[in-house]
């Protein structure tokens, strides 16, 4: 059987090197390229046409979401797996909506990553166990959170929510994302509106008490 060619796009060098070593140690796989940002991922995908792309979501200058969109335009049959620290189903949903075939969190095991690669390469979709469990919990819960449509949030709004969860102020968020303080405040206002929350205090409470969503 021909080896499955793999492109790894992740902004952490240690992660790229670790996964390259693990996958190249398996006779079924061959890592043909790796890179640390979304722009390089797009160029390498065009050049190498890998069988599977492992795509970190949080990269610059293009996020993994944007890089996935661009690669899918160029290579509509590309098989992309979102790999991220985010366990929010909303991220997984957005990745699948724009054409990714799988979604695996960085809490996943080596065995699960290998299973994901094999599944998407065969044309199937794959969600890791962590995300599947969260989705099951959500479907079984009957809480007021069902009225808060997290899936309407944009990628930037979800980034801001995660930074709020880390305890950052609006000023710190503006510096972290390199956007104006006014833009951060506009995003916060839109987040409150979409989640049907009254103020920043209720947003913080929602974030802290809704781990399955945020």
N, C-alpha and C. Protein backbone atom coordinates (compact mmCIF):
# COMPACT_ATOMS: atom_id res chain seq x y z
N UNK A 1 0.83 -1.20 0.00
CA UNK A 1 0.00 0.00 0.00
C UNK A 1 0.87 1.25 0.00
N UNK A 2 0.54 2.23 -0.84
CA UNK A 2 1.28 3.48 -0.84
C UNK A 2 1.10 4.21 0.48
N UNK A 3 2.16 4.85 0.91
CA UNK A 3 2.08 5.60 2.16
C UNK A 3 1.18 6.83 1.99
N UNK A 4 0.48 7.18 3.05
CA UNK A 4 -0.36 8.39 3.05
C UNK A 4 0.56 9.58 3.29
N UNK A 5 0.60 10.50 2.33
CA UNK A 5 1.45 11.68 2.47
C UNK A 5 0.74 12.72 3.34
N UNK A 6 1.49 13.34 4.24
CA UNK A 6 0.91 14.24 5.23
C UNK A 6 1.65 15.56 5.29
N UNK A 7 0.89 16.65 5.36
CA UNK A 7 1.42 17.99 5.62
C UNK A 7 0.99 18.39 7.02
N UNK A 8 1.94 18.84 7.84
CA UNK A 8 1.63 19.29 9.19
C UNK A 8 1.79 20.81 9.25
N UNK A 9 0.72 21.51 9.62
CA UNK A 9 0.76 22.97 9.78
C UNK A 9 0.44 23.30 11.23
N UNK A 10 1.44 23.74 11.98
CA UNK A 10 1.27 24.08 13.40
C UNK A 10 2.33 25.10 13.77
N UNK A 11 1.93 26.10 14.56
CA UNK A 11 2.89 27.16 14.86
C UNK A 11 3.86 26.81 16.01
N UNK A 12 3.78 25.60 16.53
CA UNK A 12 4.73 25.16 17.55
C UNK A 12 5.68 24.12 16.94
N UNK A 13 6.94 24.48 16.92
CA UNK A 13 7.95 23.62 16.30
C UNK A 13 8.01 22.25 16.95
N UNK A 14 7.91 22.20 18.28
CA UNK A 14 8.00 20.93 18.99
C UNK A 14 6.86 20.00 18.57
N UNK A 15 5.66 20.56 18.39
CA UNK A 15 4.53 19.73 17.97
C UNK A 15 4.76 19.19 16.56
N UNK A 16 5.25 20.05 15.66
CA UNK A 16 5.55 19.60 14.30
C UNK A 16 6.57 18.47 14.31
N UNK A 17 7.63 18.65 15.07
CA UNK A 17 8.69 17.64 15.10
C UNK A 17 8.21 16.34 15.75
N UNK A 18 7.40 16.47 16.80
CA UNK A 18 6.91 15.28 17.50
C UNK A 18 6.00 14.46 16.59
N UNK A 19 5.05 15.14 15.92
CA UNK A 19 4.13 14.42 15.05
C UNK A 19 4.84 13.87 13.81
N UNK A 20 5.82 14.59 13.33
CA UNK A 20 6.59 14.07 12.20
C UNK A 20 7.29 12.78 12.58
N UNK A 21 7.88 12.76 13.77
CA UNK A 21 8.59 11.56 14.25
C UNK A 21 7.61 10.40 14.42
N UNK A 22 6.47 10.68 15.08
CA UNK A 22 5.48 9.62 15.34
C UNK A 22 4.94 9.04 14.03
N UNK A 23 4.55 9.92 13.12
CA UNK A 23 3.93 9.44 11.88
C UNK A 23 4.94 8.78 10.94
N UNK A 24 6.14 9.31 10.88
CA UNK A 24 7.16 8.70 10.02
C UNK A 24 7.64 7.35 10.57
N UNK A 25 7.37 7.10 11.84
CA UNK A 25 7.72 5.81 12.44
C UNK A 25 6.71 4.73 12.10
N UNK A 26 5.59 5.15 11.52
CA UNK A 26 4.53 4.22 11.13
C UNK A 26 4.64 3.98 9.62
N UNK A 27 4.76 2.75 9.16
CA UNK A 27 4.98 2.47 7.73
C UNK A 27 3.83 2.91 6.83
N UNK A 28 2.68 3.28 7.42
CA UNK A 28 1.53 3.71 6.61
C UNK A 28 1.60 5.18 6.22
N UNK A 29 2.49 5.94 6.87
CA UNK A 29 2.49 7.39 6.68
C UNK A 29 3.86 7.93 6.28
N UNK A 30 3.83 9.09 5.62
CA UNK A 30 5.06 9.83 5.32
C UNK A 30 4.77 11.32 5.39
N UNK A 31 5.42 12.01 6.33
CA UNK A 31 5.27 13.46 6.44
C UNK A 31 6.14 14.09 5.36
N UNK A 32 5.50 14.72 4.37
CA UNK A 32 6.25 15.25 3.24
C UNK A 32 6.61 16.72 3.41
N UNK A 33 5.97 17.40 4.39
CA UNK A 33 6.29 18.81 4.63
C UNK A 33 5.64 19.24 5.95
N UNK A 34 6.20 20.30 6.54
CA UNK A 34 5.61 20.90 7.73
C UNK A 34 5.90 22.39 7.70
N UNK A 35 5.05 23.16 8.38
CA UNK A 35 5.23 24.61 8.38
C UNK A 35 4.60 25.20 9.63
N UNK A 36 4.90 26.48 9.88
CA UNK A 36 4.45 27.10 11.12
C UNK A 36 3.43 28.19 10.96
N UNK A 37 2.93 28.42 9.73
CA UNK A 37 1.88 29.44 9.58
C UNK A 37 0.94 29.09 8.44
N UNK A 38 -0.21 29.77 8.43
CA UNK A 38 -1.25 29.48 7.46
C UNK A 38 -0.86 29.77 6.03
N UNK A 39 -0.10 30.83 5.83
CA UNK A 39 0.32 31.21 4.48
C UNK A 39 1.20 30.13 3.86
N UNK A 40 2.16 29.64 4.65
CA UNK A 40 3.01 28.55 4.17
C UNK A 40 2.20 27.29 3.90
N UNK A 41 1.21 27.04 4.74
CA UNK A 41 0.37 25.84 4.58
C UNK A 41 -0.32 25.85 3.21
N UNK A 42 -0.81 27.03 2.82
CA UNK A 42 -1.48 27.15 1.52
C UNK A 42 -0.51 26.87 0.39
N UNK A 43 0.69 27.46 0.46
CA UNK A 43 1.68 27.28 -0.60
C UNK A 43 2.17 25.84 -0.68
N UNK A 44 2.41 25.21 0.48
CA UNK A 44 2.88 23.84 0.49
C UNK A 44 1.80 22.87 0.00
N UNK A 45 0.55 23.18 0.34
CA UNK A 45 -0.55 22.32 -0.14
C UNK A 45 -0.63 22.36 -1.66
N UNK A 46 -0.46 23.55 -2.23
CA UNK A 46 -0.48 23.68 -3.70
C UNK A 46 0.68 22.92 -4.32
N UNK A 47 1.85 23.03 -3.70
CA UNK A 47 3.05 22.43 -4.26
C UNK A 47 3.09 20.91 -4.09
N UNK A 48 2.69 20.43 -2.91
CA UNK A 48 2.88 19.02 -2.57
C UNK A 48 1.63 18.16 -2.77
N UNK A 49 0.46 18.78 -2.73
CA UNK A 49 -0.81 18.05 -2.83
C UNK A 49 -0.82 16.82 -1.91
N UNK A 50 -0.72 17.04 -0.60
CA UNK A 50 -0.64 15.92 0.34
C UNK A 50 -1.96 15.15 0.44
N UNK A 51 -1.85 13.89 0.88
CA UNK A 51 -3.06 13.09 1.05
C UNK A 51 -3.91 13.60 2.20
N UNK A 52 -3.25 14.04 3.27
CA UNK A 52 -3.95 14.56 4.46
C UNK A 52 -3.18 15.77 4.99
N UNK A 53 -3.92 16.77 5.43
CA UNK A 53 -3.31 17.96 6.04
C UNK A 53 -3.77 18.06 7.49
N UNK A 54 -2.82 18.13 8.42
CA UNK A 54 -3.13 18.37 9.83
C UNK A 54 -2.99 19.87 10.06
N UNK A 55 -4.13 20.54 10.32
CA UNK A 55 -4.17 22.00 10.32
C UNK A 55 -4.48 22.57 11.71
N UNK A 56 -3.47 23.22 12.30
CA UNK A 56 -3.70 23.92 13.57
C UNK A 56 -4.61 25.13 13.28
N UNK A 57 -5.57 25.39 14.14
CA UNK A 57 -6.50 26.50 13.90
C UNK A 57 -5.86 27.84 14.20
N UNK A 58 -5.06 27.93 15.27
CA UNK A 58 -4.52 29.22 15.71
C UNK A 58 -3.15 29.49 15.12
N UNK A 59 -3.15 30.07 13.91
CA UNK A 59 -1.89 30.44 13.26
C UNK A 59 -2.03 31.83 12.64
N UNK A 60 -0.89 32.39 12.26
CA UNK A 60 -0.86 33.67 11.58
C UNK A 60 -0.01 33.52 10.32
N UNK A 61 -0.08 34.41 9.31
CA UNK A 61 -1.04 35.52 9.20
C UNK A 61 -2.46 35.05 8.90
N UNK A 62 -2.60 33.83 8.40
CA UNK A 62 -3.93 33.25 8.20
C UNK A 62 -4.18 32.24 9.31
N UNK A 63 -5.37 32.27 9.88
CA UNK A 63 -5.73 31.24 10.84
C UNK A 63 -5.91 29.92 10.10
N UNK A 64 -5.98 28.84 10.84
CA UNK A 64 -6.23 27.54 10.22
C UNK A 64 -7.55 27.50 9.49
N UNK A 65 -8.52 28.25 9.99
CA UNK A 65 -9.82 28.32 9.32
C UNK A 65 -9.68 28.97 7.95
N UNK A 66 -8.98 30.10 7.91
CA UNK A 66 -8.81 30.81 6.64
C UNK A 66 -7.94 29.98 5.68
N UNK A 67 -6.89 29.37 6.20
CA UNK A 67 -6.03 28.54 5.35
C UNK A 67 -6.82 27.36 4.77
N UNK A 68 -7.70 26.79 5.59
CA UNK A 68 -8.54 25.68 5.10
C UNK A 68 -9.43 26.13 3.96
N UNK A 69 -10.04 27.31 4.11
CA UNK A 69 -10.89 27.86 3.05
C UNK A 69 -10.11 28.00 1.74
N UNK A 70 -8.91 28.58 1.86
CA UNK A 70 -8.10 28.83 0.66
C UNK A 70 -7.64 27.52 0.00
N UNK A 71 -7.22 26.57 0.83
CA UNK A 71 -6.77 25.29 0.28
C UNK A 71 -7.91 24.56 -0.41
N UNK A 72 -9.09 24.63 0.18
CA UNK A 72 -10.24 23.95 -0.42
C UNK A 72 -10.63 24.55 -1.78
N UNK A 73 -10.37 25.85 -1.94
CA UNK A 73 -10.63 26.48 -3.24
C UNK A 73 -9.66 25.95 -4.30
N UNK A 74 -8.41 25.78 -3.88
CA UNK A 74 -7.37 25.33 -4.80
C UNK A 74 -7.43 23.81 -5.02
N UNK A 75 -7.63 23.09 -3.91
CA UNK A 75 -7.66 21.62 -3.94
C UNK A 75 -8.97 21.15 -3.30
N UNK A 76 -10.05 21.16 -4.06
CA UNK A 76 -11.37 20.84 -3.48
C UNK A 76 -11.47 19.44 -2.90
N UNK A 77 -10.59 18.53 -3.30
CA UNK A 77 -10.63 17.17 -2.77
C UNK A 77 -9.68 16.96 -1.59
N UNK A 78 -9.07 18.06 -1.12
CA UNK A 78 -8.11 17.94 -0.02
C UNK A 78 -8.79 17.44 1.24
N UNK A 79 -8.06 16.64 2.01
CA UNK A 79 -8.59 16.06 3.25
C UNK A 79 -7.87 16.70 4.42
N UNK A 80 -8.57 17.61 5.09
CA UNK A 80 -7.98 18.43 6.15
C UNK A 80 -8.56 18.04 7.50
N UNK A 81 -7.69 17.89 8.49
CA UNK A 81 -8.11 17.63 9.86
C UNK A 81 -7.72 18.84 10.71
N UNK A 82 -8.71 19.46 11.33
CA UNK A 82 -8.43 20.55 12.25
C UNK A 82 -7.83 19.98 13.53
N UNK A 83 -6.69 20.53 13.95
CA UNK A 83 -6.03 20.08 15.18
C UNK A 83 -5.86 21.31 16.08
N UNK A 84 -6.40 21.26 17.27
CA UNK A 84 -6.44 22.47 18.09
C UNK A 84 -6.56 22.19 19.57
N UNK A 85 -6.27 23.20 20.37
CA UNK A 85 -6.47 23.10 21.81
C UNK A 85 -7.94 23.32 22.17
N UNK A 86 -8.73 23.86 21.24
CA UNK A 86 -10.11 24.20 21.54
C UNK A 86 -11.02 22.98 21.51
N UNK A 87 -11.73 22.75 22.59
CA UNK A 87 -12.66 21.62 22.65
C UNK A 87 -14.11 22.07 22.44
N UNK A 88 -14.29 23.32 21.97
CA UNK A 88 -15.64 23.81 21.73
C UNK A 88 -16.21 23.23 20.45
N UNK A 89 -17.39 22.63 20.52
CA UNK A 89 -18.02 22.09 19.31
C UNK A 89 -18.22 23.14 18.22
N UNK A 90 -18.37 24.41 18.61
CA UNK A 90 -18.57 25.47 17.62
C UNK A 90 -17.39 25.56 16.66
N UNK A 91 -16.16 25.38 17.18
CA UNK A 91 -14.98 25.39 16.31
C UNK A 91 -15.02 24.21 15.36
N UNK A 92 -15.35 23.04 15.89
CA UNK A 92 -15.42 21.84 15.04
C UNK A 92 -16.46 22.03 13.94
N UNK A 93 -17.60 22.60 14.31
CA UNK A 93 -18.67 22.82 13.33
C UNK A 93 -18.21 23.75 12.22
N UNK A 94 -17.51 24.83 12.59
CA UNK A 94 -17.05 25.78 11.57
C UNK A 94 -16.02 25.14 10.65
N UNK A 95 -15.11 24.34 11.21
CA UNK A 95 -14.11 23.67 10.38
C UNK A 95 -14.77 22.73 9.37
N UNK A 96 -15.75 21.98 9.83
CA UNK A 96 -16.43 21.04 8.93
C UNK A 96 -17.26 21.80 7.89
N UNK A 97 -17.84 22.93 8.29
CA UNK A 97 -18.64 23.72 7.36
C UNK A 97 -17.81 24.25 6.20
N UNK A 98 -16.55 24.58 6.46
CA UNK A 98 -15.72 25.15 5.39
C UNK A 98 -14.93 24.08 4.64
N UNK A 99 -15.17 22.81 4.98
CA UNK A 99 -14.60 21.76 4.16
C UNK A 99 -13.62 20.80 4.80
N UNK A 100 -13.28 21.02 6.08
CA UNK A 100 -12.41 20.06 6.76
C UNK A 100 -13.15 18.73 6.89
N UNK A 101 -12.39 17.65 6.93
CA UNK A 101 -13.00 16.32 7.04
C UNK A 101 -12.94 15.77 8.46
N UNK A 102 -12.13 16.39 9.30
CA UNK A 102 -12.01 15.89 10.67
C UNK A 102 -11.63 16.97 11.64
N UNK A 103 -11.76 16.65 12.94
CA UNK A 103 -11.43 17.61 13.99
C UNK A 103 -10.92 16.82 15.19
N UNK A 104 -9.70 17.12 15.61
CA UNK A 104 -9.07 16.42 16.72
C UNK A 104 -8.47 17.44 17.67
N UNK A 105 -8.74 17.33 18.97
CA UNK A 105 -8.14 18.25 19.93
C UNK A 105 -6.76 17.75 20.34
N UNK A 106 -5.97 18.63 20.93
CA UNK A 106 -4.63 18.26 21.34
C UNK A 106 -4.64 17.44 22.63
N UNK A 107 -5.84 17.17 23.16
CA UNK A 107 -5.96 16.23 24.27
C UNK A 107 -6.08 14.79 23.77
N UNK A 108 -6.24 14.64 22.47
CA UNK A 108 -6.46 13.32 21.89
C UNK A 108 -5.17 12.48 21.93
N UNK A 109 -5.35 11.17 21.92
CA UNK A 109 -4.21 10.26 21.96
C UNK A 109 -3.59 10.08 20.57
N UNK A 110 -2.40 9.50 20.56
CA UNK A 110 -1.74 9.17 19.29
C UNK A 110 -2.62 8.23 18.47
N UNK A 111 -3.22 7.26 19.15
CA UNK A 111 -4.07 6.29 18.46
C UNK A 111 -5.26 6.96 17.80
N UNK A 112 -5.82 7.96 18.48
CA UNK A 112 -6.98 8.63 17.91
C UNK A 112 -6.59 9.49 16.71
N UNK A 113 -5.43 10.13 16.77
CA UNK A 113 -4.96 10.90 15.63
C UNK A 113 -4.76 9.99 14.41
N UNK A 114 -4.15 8.84 14.64
CA UNK A 114 -3.93 7.90 13.54
C UNK A 114 -5.27 7.43 12.97
N UNK A 115 -6.22 7.15 13.84
CA UNK A 115 -7.55 6.73 13.39
C UNK A 115 -8.20 7.83 12.55
N UNK A 116 -8.05 9.09 12.99
CA UNK A 116 -8.62 10.22 12.26
C UNK A 116 -8.01 10.32 10.86
N UNK A 117 -6.69 10.17 10.77
CA UNK A 117 -6.01 10.26 9.47
C UNK A 117 -6.52 9.17 8.53
N UNK A 118 -6.62 7.94 9.04
CA UNK A 118 -7.08 6.83 8.20
C UNK A 118 -8.52 7.02 7.75
N UNK A 119 -9.36 7.52 8.66
CA UNK A 119 -10.78 7.71 8.33
C UNK A 119 -10.96 8.78 7.24
N UNK A 120 -10.33 9.94 7.42
CA UNK A 120 -10.54 11.02 6.43
C UNK A 120 -9.89 10.66 5.10
N UNK A 121 -8.78 9.94 5.14
CA UNK A 121 -8.12 9.54 3.89
C UNK A 121 -9.03 8.62 3.08
N UNK A 122 -9.84 7.85 3.78
CA UNK A 122 -10.78 6.94 3.11
C UNK A 122 -12.06 7.64 2.68
N UNK A 123 -12.14 8.95 2.94
CA UNK A 123 -13.30 9.71 2.50
C UNK A 123 -14.37 9.92 3.56
N UNK A 124 -14.09 9.49 4.79
CA UNK A 124 -15.06 9.65 5.87
C UNK A 124 -14.79 10.91 6.67
N UNK A 125 -15.73 11.28 7.53
CA UNK A 125 -15.52 12.38 8.45
C UNK A 125 -15.19 11.82 9.83
N UNK A 126 -14.44 12.63 10.62
CA UNK A 126 -14.06 12.13 11.94
C UNK A 126 -14.05 13.26 12.96
N UNK A 127 -14.76 13.04 14.07
CA UNK A 127 -14.71 13.93 15.23
C UNK A 127 -14.10 13.14 16.38
N UNK A 128 -13.16 13.75 17.09
CA UNK A 128 -12.51 13.03 18.18
C UNK A 128 -13.49 12.75 19.32
N UNK A 129 -13.11 11.83 20.17
CA UNK A 129 -13.98 11.39 21.26
C UNK A 129 -14.36 12.53 22.20
N UNK A 130 -13.41 13.44 22.47
CA UNK A 130 -13.69 14.55 23.36
C UNK A 130 -14.84 15.40 22.84
N UNK A 131 -14.82 15.73 21.55
CA UNK A 131 -15.89 16.54 20.97
C UNK A 131 -17.20 15.75 20.94
N UNK A 132 -17.13 14.49 20.60
CA UNK A 132 -18.35 13.67 20.56
C UNK A 132 -19.01 13.61 21.93
N UNK A 133 -18.20 13.48 22.98
CA UNK A 133 -18.75 13.43 24.34
C UNK A 133 -19.42 14.73 24.73
N UNK A 134 -18.80 15.86 24.35
CA UNK A 134 -19.37 17.16 24.65
C UNK A 134 -20.70 17.34 23.93
N UNK A 135 -20.74 16.94 22.67
CA UNK A 135 -21.97 17.05 21.89
C UNK A 135 -23.07 16.18 22.49
N UNK A 136 -22.70 15.01 22.99
CA UNK A 136 -23.68 14.14 23.63
C UNK A 136 -24.22 14.78 24.89
N UNK A 137 -23.32 15.36 25.70
CA UNK A 137 -23.76 16.04 26.92
C UNK A 137 -24.70 17.19 26.61
N UNK A 138 -24.38 17.93 25.55
CA UNK A 138 -25.23 19.06 25.16
C UNK A 138 -26.62 18.59 24.75
N UNK A 139 -26.66 17.52 23.98
CA UNK A 139 -27.94 17.04 23.48
C UNK A 139 -28.81 16.50 24.60
N UNK A 140 -28.17 16.02 25.69
CA UNK A 140 -28.91 15.45 26.80
C UNK A 140 -29.30 16.50 27.83
N UNK A 141 -28.64 17.66 27.79
CA UNK A 141 -28.93 18.70 28.78
C UNK A 141 -30.09 19.57 28.33
N UNK A 142 -30.89 19.95 29.28
CA UNK A 142 -32.04 20.80 28.99
C UNK A 142 -31.93 22.04 29.85
N UNK A 143 -31.03 22.95 29.43
CA UNK A 143 -30.76 24.13 30.23
C UNK A 143 -31.06 25.39 29.46
N UNK A 144 -30.98 26.51 30.15
CA UNK A 144 -31.22 27.80 29.50
C UNK A 144 -30.19 28.11 28.44
N UNK A 145 -29.04 27.41 28.50
CA UNK A 145 -28.01 27.68 27.51
C UNK A 145 -28.47 27.34 26.10
N UNK A 146 -29.51 26.54 25.98
CA UNK A 146 -30.01 26.20 24.65
C UNK A 146 -30.53 27.42 23.92
N UNK A 147 -30.81 28.49 24.69
CA UNK A 147 -31.29 29.72 24.07
C UNK A 147 -30.16 30.60 23.57
N UNK A 148 -28.93 30.24 23.92
CA UNK A 148 -27.77 31.03 23.53
C UNK A 148 -27.12 30.39 22.32
N UNK A 149 -27.25 31.03 21.18
CA UNK A 149 -26.79 30.40 19.95
C UNK A 149 -25.31 30.68 19.73
N UNK A 150 -24.47 29.84 20.32
CA UNK A 150 -23.02 29.98 20.20
C UNK A 150 -22.54 29.85 18.77
N UNK A 151 -23.29 29.11 17.96
CA UNK A 151 -22.85 28.84 16.59
C UNK A 151 -22.97 30.06 15.68
N UNK A 152 -23.60 31.13 16.15
CA UNK A 152 -23.68 32.35 15.34
C UNK A 152 -22.44 33.21 15.52
N UNK A 153 -21.58 32.88 16.48
CA UNK A 153 -20.39 33.68 16.73
C UNK A 153 -19.38 33.52 15.60
N UNK A 154 -18.69 34.61 15.29
CA UNK A 154 -17.64 34.56 14.29
C UNK A 154 -16.36 34.00 14.92
N UNK A 155 -15.39 33.69 14.06
CA UNK A 155 -14.11 33.20 14.56
C UNK A 155 -13.47 34.21 15.50
N UNK A 156 -13.49 35.49 15.14
CA UNK A 156 -12.89 36.53 15.97
C UNK A 156 -13.60 36.64 17.32
N UNK A 157 -14.93 36.54 17.30
CA UNK A 157 -15.69 36.62 18.55
C UNK A 157 -15.36 35.46 19.47
N UNK A 158 -15.15 34.28 18.90
CA UNK A 158 -14.77 33.13 19.73
C UNK A 158 -13.36 33.30 20.29
N UNK A 159 -12.48 33.92 19.50
CA UNK A 159 -11.14 34.20 20.00
C UNK A 159 -11.22 35.13 21.22
N UNK A 160 -12.05 36.15 21.11
CA UNK A 160 -12.19 37.12 22.20
C UNK A 160 -12.78 36.46 23.43
N UNK A 161 -13.77 35.60 23.25
CA UNK A 161 -14.35 34.89 24.38
C UNK A 161 -13.29 34.06 25.10
N UNK A 162 -12.45 33.39 24.34
CA UNK A 162 -11.41 32.57 24.96
C UNK A 162 -10.39 33.42 25.72
N UNK A 163 -10.11 34.61 25.22
CA UNK A 163 -9.18 35.50 25.92
C UNK A 163 -9.83 36.07 27.18
N UNK A 164 -11.12 36.34 27.12
CA UNK A 164 -11.85 36.77 28.32
C UNK A 164 -11.80 35.66 29.37
N UNK A 165 -11.98 34.44 28.92
CA UNK A 165 -11.93 33.29 29.83
C UNK A 165 -10.57 33.19 30.52
N UNK A 166 -9.52 33.63 29.81
CA UNK A 166 -8.17 33.61 30.38
C UNK A 166 -7.93 34.77 31.34
N UNK A 167 -8.94 35.63 31.49
CA UNK A 167 -8.85 36.74 32.44
C UNK A 167 -8.32 38.03 31.85
N UNK A 168 -8.23 38.13 30.53
CA UNK A 168 -7.70 39.34 29.90
C UNK A 168 -8.72 40.47 29.88
N UNK A 169 -8.23 41.69 30.05
CA UNK A 169 -9.07 42.88 29.92
C UNK A 169 -9.21 43.22 28.44
N UNK A 170 -10.11 44.15 28.14
CA UNK A 170 -10.28 44.55 26.74
C UNK A 170 -8.98 45.13 26.18
N UNK A 171 -8.25 45.88 26.99
CA UNK A 171 -6.99 46.46 26.54
C UNK A 171 -5.98 45.36 26.22
N UNK A 172 -5.91 44.36 27.09
CA UNK A 172 -4.98 43.24 26.85
C UNK A 172 -5.38 42.45 25.62
N UNK A 173 -6.69 42.29 25.41
CA UNK A 173 -7.17 41.58 24.22
C UNK A 173 -6.79 42.34 22.95
N UNK A 174 -6.94 43.67 22.98
CA UNK A 174 -6.60 44.48 21.81
C UNK A 174 -5.13 44.35 21.46
N UNK A 175 -4.28 44.29 22.48
CA UNK A 175 -2.84 44.13 22.24
C UNK A 175 -2.53 42.72 21.74
N UNK A 176 -3.19 41.74 22.32
CA UNK A 176 -2.94 40.34 21.93
C UNK A 176 -3.34 40.08 20.48
N UNK A 177 -4.49 40.63 20.07
CA UNK A 177 -5.00 40.39 18.72
C UNK A 177 -4.57 41.48 17.73
N UNK A 178 -3.88 42.51 18.26
CA UNK A 178 -3.41 43.62 17.42
C UNK A 178 -4.57 44.32 16.70
N UNK A 179 -5.61 44.59 17.47
CA UNK A 179 -6.75 45.37 16.97
C UNK A 179 -7.01 46.49 17.96
N UNK A 180 -7.79 47.48 17.55
CA UNK A 180 -8.04 48.63 18.41
C UNK A 180 -8.93 48.26 19.59
N UNK A 181 -8.82 49.04 20.65
CA UNK A 181 -9.67 48.83 21.82
C UNK A 181 -11.14 49.00 21.46
N UNK A 182 -11.44 49.96 20.58
CA UNK A 182 -12.81 50.19 20.14
C UNK A 182 -13.36 48.96 19.42
N UNK A 183 -12.53 48.33 18.60
CA UNK A 183 -12.96 47.12 17.88
C UNK A 183 -13.28 45.99 18.86
N UNK A 184 -12.45 45.86 19.90
CA UNK A 184 -12.71 44.84 20.92
C UNK A 184 -14.06 45.09 21.57
N UNK A 185 -14.33 46.35 21.90
CA UNK A 185 -15.60 46.67 22.56
C UNK A 185 -16.79 46.40 21.65
N UNK A 186 -16.63 46.66 20.36
CA UNK A 186 -17.71 46.35 19.40
C UNK A 186 -17.96 44.84 19.37
N UNK A 187 -16.88 44.08 19.35
CA UNK A 187 -17.02 42.62 19.35
C UNK A 187 -17.71 42.14 20.63
N UNK A 188 -17.33 42.73 21.76
CA UNK A 188 -17.95 42.33 23.03
C UNK A 188 -19.44 42.64 23.03
N UNK A 189 -19.79 43.78 22.47
CA UNK A 189 -21.21 44.15 22.37
C UNK A 189 -21.97 43.14 21.51
N UNK A 190 -21.37 42.77 20.39
CA UNK A 190 -22.02 41.82 19.48
C UNK A 190 -22.15 40.43 20.12
N UNK A 191 -21.13 40.06 20.91
CA UNK A 191 -21.18 38.77 21.60
C UNK A 191 -22.34 38.75 22.59
N UNK A 192 -22.48 39.82 23.37
CA UNK A 192 -23.58 39.92 24.33
C UNK A 192 -24.93 39.80 23.63
N UNK A 193 -25.04 40.48 22.50
CA UNK A 193 -26.30 40.47 21.74
C UNK A 193 -26.63 39.07 21.23
N UNK A 194 -25.62 38.41 20.65
CA UNK A 194 -25.85 37.08 20.08
C UNK A 194 -26.17 36.04 21.16
N UNK A 195 -25.52 36.17 22.31
CA UNK A 195 -25.73 35.21 23.39
C UNK A 195 -26.89 35.62 24.31
N UNK A 196 -27.52 36.75 23.99
CA UNK A 196 -28.67 37.24 24.75
C UNK A 196 -28.32 37.45 26.22
N UNK A 197 -27.18 38.12 26.42
CA UNK A 197 -26.72 38.43 27.77
C UNK A 197 -26.77 39.94 27.99
N UNK A 198 -26.90 40.35 29.25
CA UNK A 198 -27.15 41.77 29.55
C UNK A 198 -25.89 42.60 29.65
N UNK A 199 -24.84 42.02 30.23
CA UNK A 199 -23.63 42.82 30.48
C UNK A 199 -22.40 41.92 30.56
N UNK A 200 -21.24 42.56 30.79
CA UNK A 200 -19.98 41.81 30.82
C UNK A 200 -19.95 40.81 31.97
N UNK A 201 -20.56 41.15 33.08
CA UNK A 201 -20.58 40.24 34.23
C UNK A 201 -21.34 38.96 33.87
N UNK A 202 -22.45 39.11 33.17
CA UNK A 202 -23.23 37.93 32.78
C UNK A 202 -22.47 37.11 31.73
N UNK A 203 -21.66 37.79 30.90
CA UNK A 203 -20.85 37.07 29.92
C UNK A 203 -19.80 36.22 30.62
N UNK A 204 -19.11 36.81 31.60
CA UNK A 204 -18.09 36.07 32.36
C UNK A 204 -18.73 34.89 33.07
N UNK A 205 -19.90 35.10 33.64
CA UNK A 205 -20.61 34.02 34.33
C UNK A 205 -20.99 32.91 33.36
N UNK A 206 -21.44 33.31 32.16
CA UNK A 206 -21.81 32.34 31.13
C UNK A 206 -20.62 31.50 30.72
N UNK A 207 -19.47 32.17 30.50
CA UNK A 207 -18.25 31.47 30.09
C UNK A 207 -17.80 30.48 31.16
N UNK A 208 -17.79 30.94 32.41
CA UNK A 208 -17.28 30.10 33.50
C UNK A 208 -18.20 28.93 33.84
N UNK A 209 -19.45 29.07 33.52
CA UNK A 209 -20.41 28.04 33.90
C UNK A 209 -20.91 27.23 32.71
N UNK A 210 -20.30 27.44 31.55
CA UNK A 210 -20.72 26.70 30.35
C UNK A 210 -19.52 26.07 29.66
N UNK A 211 -18.78 25.20 30.35
CA UNK A 211 -17.58 24.61 29.74
C UNK A 211 -17.85 23.81 28.49
N UNK A 212 -19.05 23.29 28.34
CA UNK A 212 -19.37 22.50 27.15
C UNK A 212 -19.54 23.36 25.92
N UNK A 213 -19.75 24.65 26.14
CA UNK A 213 -20.01 25.54 25.02
C UNK A 213 -18.81 26.43 24.72
N UNK A 214 -18.14 26.88 25.76
CA UNK A 214 -17.06 27.85 25.58
C UNK A 214 -15.77 27.28 26.15
